[in-house]
Protein backbone atom coordinates (compact mmCIF):
# COMPACT_ATOMS: atom_id res chain seq x y z
CA MET A 1 -8.59 33.54 176.19
CA SER A 2 -10.90 30.38 175.63
CA GLU A 3 -14.62 30.67 175.33
CA ARG A 4 -15.09 28.58 178.80
CA TYR A 5 -13.30 31.48 180.41
CA GLY A 6 -14.93 34.22 178.59
CA LYS A 7 -18.26 32.70 179.69
CA MET A 8 -16.77 32.75 183.52
CA ARG A 9 -15.50 36.46 183.19
CA GLU A 10 -19.19 37.35 182.19
CA TRP A 11 -21.15 35.72 185.14
CA LEU A 12 -18.48 36.91 187.63
CA ILE A 13 -18.74 40.45 186.38
CA LYS A 14 -22.49 40.19 186.57
CA LEU A 15 -22.44 38.71 190.05
CA ARG A 16 -19.96 41.40 191.32
CA LYS A 17 -21.87 44.30 189.94
CA LYS A 18 -25.14 42.95 191.08
CA ALA A 19 -23.25 42.90 194.66
CA ASN A 20 -22.40 46.65 193.75
CA LYS A 21 -18.99 45.72 194.55
CA THR A 22 -15.72 46.90 192.73
CA GLN A 23 -12.98 44.68 192.14
CA GLU A 24 -10.94 46.30 195.07
CA GLN A 25 -13.88 45.54 197.34
CA VAL A 26 -14.16 41.81 196.46
CA ALA A 27 -10.39 41.26 196.50
CA ASP A 28 -10.23 43.08 200.14
CA LEU A 29 -13.22 41.16 201.35
CA ALA A 30 -11.81 37.82 199.92
CA ARG A 31 -8.39 38.51 201.45
CA ILE A 32 -6.43 38.35 198.04
CA SER A 33 -4.80 40.96 195.85
CA ARG A 34 -6.73 42.89 193.49
CA PRO A 35 -4.54 42.02 190.52
CA THR A 36 -5.33 38.24 191.48
CA TYR A 37 -9.00 38.81 191.62
CA THR A 38 -8.83 40.63 188.11
CA ARG A 39 -6.90 37.93 186.45
CA ILE A 40 -9.66 35.52 187.72
CA GLU A 41 -12.47 37.61 186.43
CA THR A 42 -10.94 38.32 183.07
CA GLY A 43 -10.06 34.60 182.71
CA GLU A 44 -6.48 35.01 182.64
CA ARG A 45 -6.12 32.60 185.80
CA ASN A 46 -8.37 29.74 187.34
CA PRO A 47 -8.60 29.99 191.18
CA SER A 48 -7.46 27.72 193.66
CA VAL A 49 -10.09 26.02 195.86
CA ASP A 50 -9.20 27.97 198.49
CA ILE A 51 -9.51 31.51 196.73
CA ALA A 52 -12.76 30.22 194.78
CA LYS A 53 -14.25 29.50 198.28
CA LYS A 54 -13.44 32.97 199.36
CA ILE A 55 -14.68 34.94 196.46
CA ALA A 56 -17.91 32.88 196.53
CA LEU A 57 -18.36 33.95 200.13
CA VAL A 58 -18.16 37.50 199.32
CA LEU A 59 -20.18 37.33 196.13
CA GLU A 60 -22.79 34.52 197.55
CA PHE A 61 -22.72 31.94 194.87
CA ASP A 62 -21.52 28.03 195.11
CA TRP A 63 -17.84 28.01 194.67
CA VAL A 64 -17.78 25.10 192.61
CA ARG A 65 -19.33 26.84 189.70
CA PHE A 66 -15.67 28.06 188.94
CA TYR A 67 -14.98 24.47 187.90
CA GLU A 68 -18.00 23.62 186.06
CA SER A 69 -17.31 22.16 182.65
CA GLU A 70 -19.88 24.56 181.33
CA VAL A 71 -21.36 27.71 182.57
CA LYS A 72 -25.04 27.89 181.26
CA GLU A 73 -25.69 31.32 179.63
CA ASN A 74 -29.53 31.24 180.29
CA GLU A 75 -28.79 30.58 184.15
CA ARG A 76 -30.40 33.43 186.46
CA ILE A 77 -27.73 35.33 188.26
């Protein structure tokens, strides 16, 4: 797993936990499979634009964050 994906996983997990949701709940609300969501959260898979938008809507963040070249560690979540 690359460092970039490791960072992505951390911020995505924090957002999900802040929303008090399980992986299953996020996946259901985003209308994607739980394994798909899990692979995105662990960095094994990059989401398509459509899926990124769905997850972002559920967790209330800007979907383009998935495609930023660098996730800022000191960014407030």
